[in-house]
Protein backbone atom coordinates (compact mmCIF):
# COMPACT_ATOMS: atom_id res chain seq x y z
CA UNK A 1 54.25 86.44 83.59
CA UNK A 2 55.19 83.66 85.99
CA UNK A 3 58.92 84.11 85.52
CA UNK A 4 59.01 87.89 85.27
CA UNK A 5 56.41 88.68 87.94
CA UNK A 6 55.58 85.88 90.36
CA UNK A 7 59.04 84.36 90.78
CA UNK A 8 60.67 87.79 90.99
CA UNK A 9 58.20 89.00 93.63
CA UNK A 10 58.64 85.83 95.69
CA UNK A 11 62.43 86.00 95.46
CA UNK A 12 62.76 89.65 96.43
CA UNK A 13 60.17 89.21 99.16
CA UNK A 14 62.29 86.42 100.63
CA UNK A 15 65.44 88.51 100.21
CA UNK A 16 63.81 91.43 102.05
CA UNK A 17 62.83 89.13 104.92
CA UNK A 18 66.27 87.63 105.36
CA UNK A 19 68.52 90.58 104.55
CA UNK A 20 69.06 93.67 106.68
CA UNK A 21 69.46 97.14 105.17
CA UNK A 22 73.22 97.05 105.71
CA UNK A 23 73.52 93.59 104.18
CA UNK A 24 71.33 94.63 101.24
CA UNK A 25 73.95 97.16 100.11
CA UNK A 26 76.44 94.33 99.85
CA UNK A 27 74.37 91.41 98.57
CA UNK A 28 71.63 92.90 96.37
CA UNK A 29 74.05 93.74 93.52
CA UNK A 30 75.27 90.14 93.67
CA UNK A 31 71.67 88.93 93.39
CA UNK A 32 71.25 91.07 90.29
CA UNK A 33 74.47 89.76 88.77
CA UNK A 34 73.34 86.18 89.42
CA UNK A 35 70.00 86.83 87.74
CA UNK A 36 71.70 88.10 84.60
CA UNK A 37 74.14 85.18 84.52
CA UNK A 38 71.06 82.93 84.56
CA UNK A 39 69.64 84.93 81.63
CA UNK A 40 72.81 84.32 79.63
CA UNK A 41 72.79 80.57 80.40
CA UNK A 42 69.08 80.14 79.65
CA UNK A 43 69.43 82.03 76.37
CA UNK A 44 72.22 79.75 75.25
CA UNK A 45 70.18 76.70 76.27
CA UNK A 46 67.23 77.88 74.17
CA UNK A 47 69.60 78.46 71.26
CA UNK A 48 71.08 74.97 71.72
CA UNK A 49 67.63 73.37 71.69
CA UNK A 50 66.77 75.33 68.55
CA UNK A 51 69.89 73.94 66.88
CA UNK A 52 68.85 70.42 67.92
CA UNK A 53 65.42 71.07 66.43
CA UNK A 54 66.98 71.99 63.09
CA UNK A 55 69.14 68.87 63.15
CA UNK A 56 66.23 66.60 64.03
CA UNK A 57 64.18 67.97 61.13
CA UNK A 58 66.81 66.50 58.79
CA UNK A 59 68.09 63.41 60.62
CA UNK A 60 64.84 62.27 62.26
CA UNK A 61 61.92 62.95 59.90
CA UNK A 62 59.63 60.62 61.90
CA UNK A 63 60.06 62.75 65.06
CA UNK A 64 58.21 66.00 65.58
CA UNK A 65 61.13 68.40 66.22
CA UNK A 66 58.98 71.10 67.81
CA UNK A 67 57.34 68.73 70.31
CA UNK A 68 60.69 67.12 71.18
CA UNK A 69 62.33 70.49 71.78
CA UNK A 70 59.43 71.59 73.99
CA UNK A 71 60.07 68.53 76.15
CA UNK A 72 63.67 69.63 76.59
CA UNK A 73 62.62 73.17 77.48
CA UNK A 74 59.89 72.05 79.89
CA UNK A 75 62.30 69.59 81.51
CA UNK A 76 64.65 72.50 82.23
CA UNK A 77 61.75 74.54 83.66
CA UNK A 78 60.65 71.65 85.90
CA UNK A 79 64.23 71.01 87.06
CA UNK A 80 64.60 74.69 87.94
CA UNK A 81 61.29 74.61 89.83
CA UNK A 82 62.37 71.58 91.85
CA UNK A 83 65.67 73.31 92.66
CA UNK A 84 63.79 76.44 93.82
CA UNK A 85 61.52 74.40 96.11
CA UNK A 86 64.46 72.48 97.53
CA UNK A 87 66.49 75.62 98.21
CA UNK A 88 63.47 77.29 99.80
CA UNK A 89 62.97 74.34 102.14
CA UNK A 90 66.66 74.41 103.05
CA UNK A 91 66.53 78.15 103.82
CA UNK A 92 63.45 77.79 106.02
CA UNK A 93 64.78 74.79 107.93
CA UNK A 94 68.50 75.50 108.20
CA UNK A 95 69.17 79.20 107.58
CA UNK A 96 66.27 80.99 109.26
CA UNK A 97 66.62 78.88 112.41
CA UNK A 98 70.43 79.15 112.60
CA UNK A 99 71.59 81.88 115.04
CA UNK A 100 74.94 82.01 113.26
CA UNK A 101 73.23 83.07 110.03
CA UNK A 102 70.49 85.33 111.41
CA UNK A 103 70.10 87.40 114.53
CA UNK A 104 67.29 86.29 116.85
CA UNK A 105 65.26 89.46 116.25
CA UNK A 106 65.62 89.10 112.47
CA UNK A 107 64.57 85.45 112.64
CA UNK A 108 61.44 86.31 114.60
CA UNK A 109 60.64 89.08 112.12
CA UNK A 110 61.09 86.67 109.19
CA UNK A 111 58.65 84.22 110.75
CA UNK A 112 56.08 86.89 111.60
CA UNK A 113 53.72 87.78 108.78
CA UNK A 114 51.61 90.92 108.81
CA UNK A 115 48.20 90.29 107.29
CA UNK A 116 46.51 93.25 105.62
CA UNK A 117 43.39 93.45 103.54
CA UNK A 118 43.51 94.83 100.01
CA UNK A 119 41.94 98.10 101.18
CA UNK A 120 44.43 98.43 104.04
CA UNK A 121 47.32 97.69 101.69
CA UNK A 122 46.11 100.32 99.21
CA UNK A 123 45.69 102.89 102.01
CA UNK A 124 49.16 102.12 103.32
CA UNK A 125 50.71 102.49 99.88
CA UNK A 126 48.83 105.74 99.22
CA UNK A 127 50.01 107.24 102.51
CA UNK A 128 53.69 107.01 101.58
CA UNK A 129 54.99 109.46 98.93
CA UNK A 130 58.10 107.33 98.50
CA UNK A 131 56.10 104.19 97.69
CA UNK A 132 53.69 106.17 95.47
CA UNK A 133 56.60 107.43 93.40
CA UNK A 134 58.06 103.95 93.15
CA UNK A 135 54.67 102.62 92.03
CA UNK A 136 54.47 105.37 89.38
CA UNK A 137 57.94 104.43 88.14
CA UNK A 138 56.96 100.77 87.87
CA UNK A 139 53.72 101.57 86.02
CA UNK A 140 55.49 103.90 83.58
CA UNK A 141 58.21 101.31 83.02
CA UNK A 142 55.63 98.59 82.34
CA UNK A 143 53.74 100.77 79.85
CA UNK A 144 56.91 101.80 78.04
CA UNK A 145 58.40 98.33 77.77
CA UNK A 146 55.11 96.82 76.58
CA UNK A 147 54.62 99.48 73.90
CA UNK A 148 58.16 98.93 72.64
CA UNK A 149 58.04 95.12 72.83
CA UNK A 150 54.71 94.80 71.01
CA UNK A 151 56.00 96.78 68.04
CA UNK A 152 59.44 95.19 68.10
CA UNK A 153 58.18 91.59 68.33
CA UNK A 154 55.67 92.20 65.55
CA UNK A 155 58.52 93.26 63.26
CA UNK A 156 60.64 90.39 64.55
CA UNK A 157 58.03 87.81 63.54
CA UNK A 158 58.03 89.30 60.06
CA UNK A 159 61.79 88.90 59.95
CA UNK A 160 61.71 85.33 61.33
CA UNK A 161 58.46 83.65 60.18
CA UNK A 162 59.95 80.22 60.98
CA UNK A 163 59.28 79.48 64.70
CA UNK A 164 62.64 77.72 65.04
CA UNK A 165 64.54 80.72 63.68
CA UNK A 166 62.54 83.00 65.95
CA UNK A 167 63.31 80.81 68.99
CA UNK A 168 67.01 80.69 68.15
CA UNK A 169 67.17 84.46 67.76
CA UNK A 170 65.35 85.06 71.06
CA UNK A 171 67.76 82.74 72.84
CA UNK A 172 70.73 84.64 71.49
CA UNK A 173 69.00 87.93 72.25
CA UNK A 174 68.44 86.87 75.87
CA UNK A 175 72.12 86.05 76.27
CA UNK A 176 73.11 89.41 74.78
CA UNK A 177 70.62 91.15 77.06
CA UNK A 178 72.11 89.44 80.12
CA UNK A 179 75.66 90.34 79.08
CA UNK A 180 74.76 93.97 78.37
CA UNK A 181 72.84 94.23 81.64
CA UNK A 182 75.86 92.96 83.58
CA UNK A 183 77.96 95.66 81.94
CA UNK A 184 75.36 98.34 82.66
CA UNK A 185 75.08 97.27 86.30
CA UNK A 186 78.81 97.80 86.72
CA UNK A 187 78.68 101.07 84.79
CA UNK A 188 75.58 102.17 86.71
CA UNK A 189 77.54 102.24 89.96
CA UNK A 190 79.85 104.82 88.42
CA UNK A 191 76.92 106.83 87.05
CA UNK A 192 75.29 106.90 90.49
CA UNK A 193 78.55 107.90 92.13
CA UNK A 194 79.63 110.68 89.80
CA UNK A 195 76.41 111.88 88.13
CA UNK A 196 73.71 111.21 90.72
CA UNK A 197 70.40 109.37 90.71
CA UNK A 198 68.66 111.83 88.39
CA UNK A 199 71.06 111.22 85.49
CA UNK A 200 70.90 107.46 86.05
CA UNK A 201 67.10 107.53 86.02
CA UNK A 202 67.05 109.52 82.76
CA UNK A 203 69.16 106.99 80.84
CA UNK A 204 66.22 104.68 80.07
CA UNK A 205 63.61 107.29 78.97
CA UNK A 206 66.20 109.13 76.86
CA UNK A 207 67.08 105.89 75.05
CA UNK A 208 63.39 105.16 74.47
CA UNK A 209 62.88 108.60 72.95
CA UNK A 210 65.90 108.15 70.69
């Protein structure tokens, strides 16, 4: 949940603060491409650690391969967290305050935070049909993906009862997912352009039904 929810919300919240609507058309696709490149790299790293775990089980019988591999994985997570904190500090100190990077009005807006209670936030969201529809899309997506993943991962654990094999497969699967998503992002631009938003939105539910 931390990676898929909290970090994503914080990142896109920061992007919305620093990026204008005109800039978003140019930079948001690049953000998405970068996220999927990271998915490919992380998947290969997990696969590499799984290969090390298999090798250690043979060459180092006195070492617990699973515990050693978890140290490698957690070290990568901690290093990524430190990099995120450092980059955030740099943005707040050097980018937000630099007139060459941000207009004065945008900088003031980025520093100003509107505080709303939970009730006020819910009322604000309910008053906007656009946001209500987006919320419905997100809820439906979450329900669909969870129903599919629960069934799929249950079958996957039957196929790979060994945790190391399961970890290796998930690493490779993450890399394939990132690669396919990159391709679909490029193809999606064409679908939006020639077929419209409705056809693009139907691609996912049609595939789920199939």
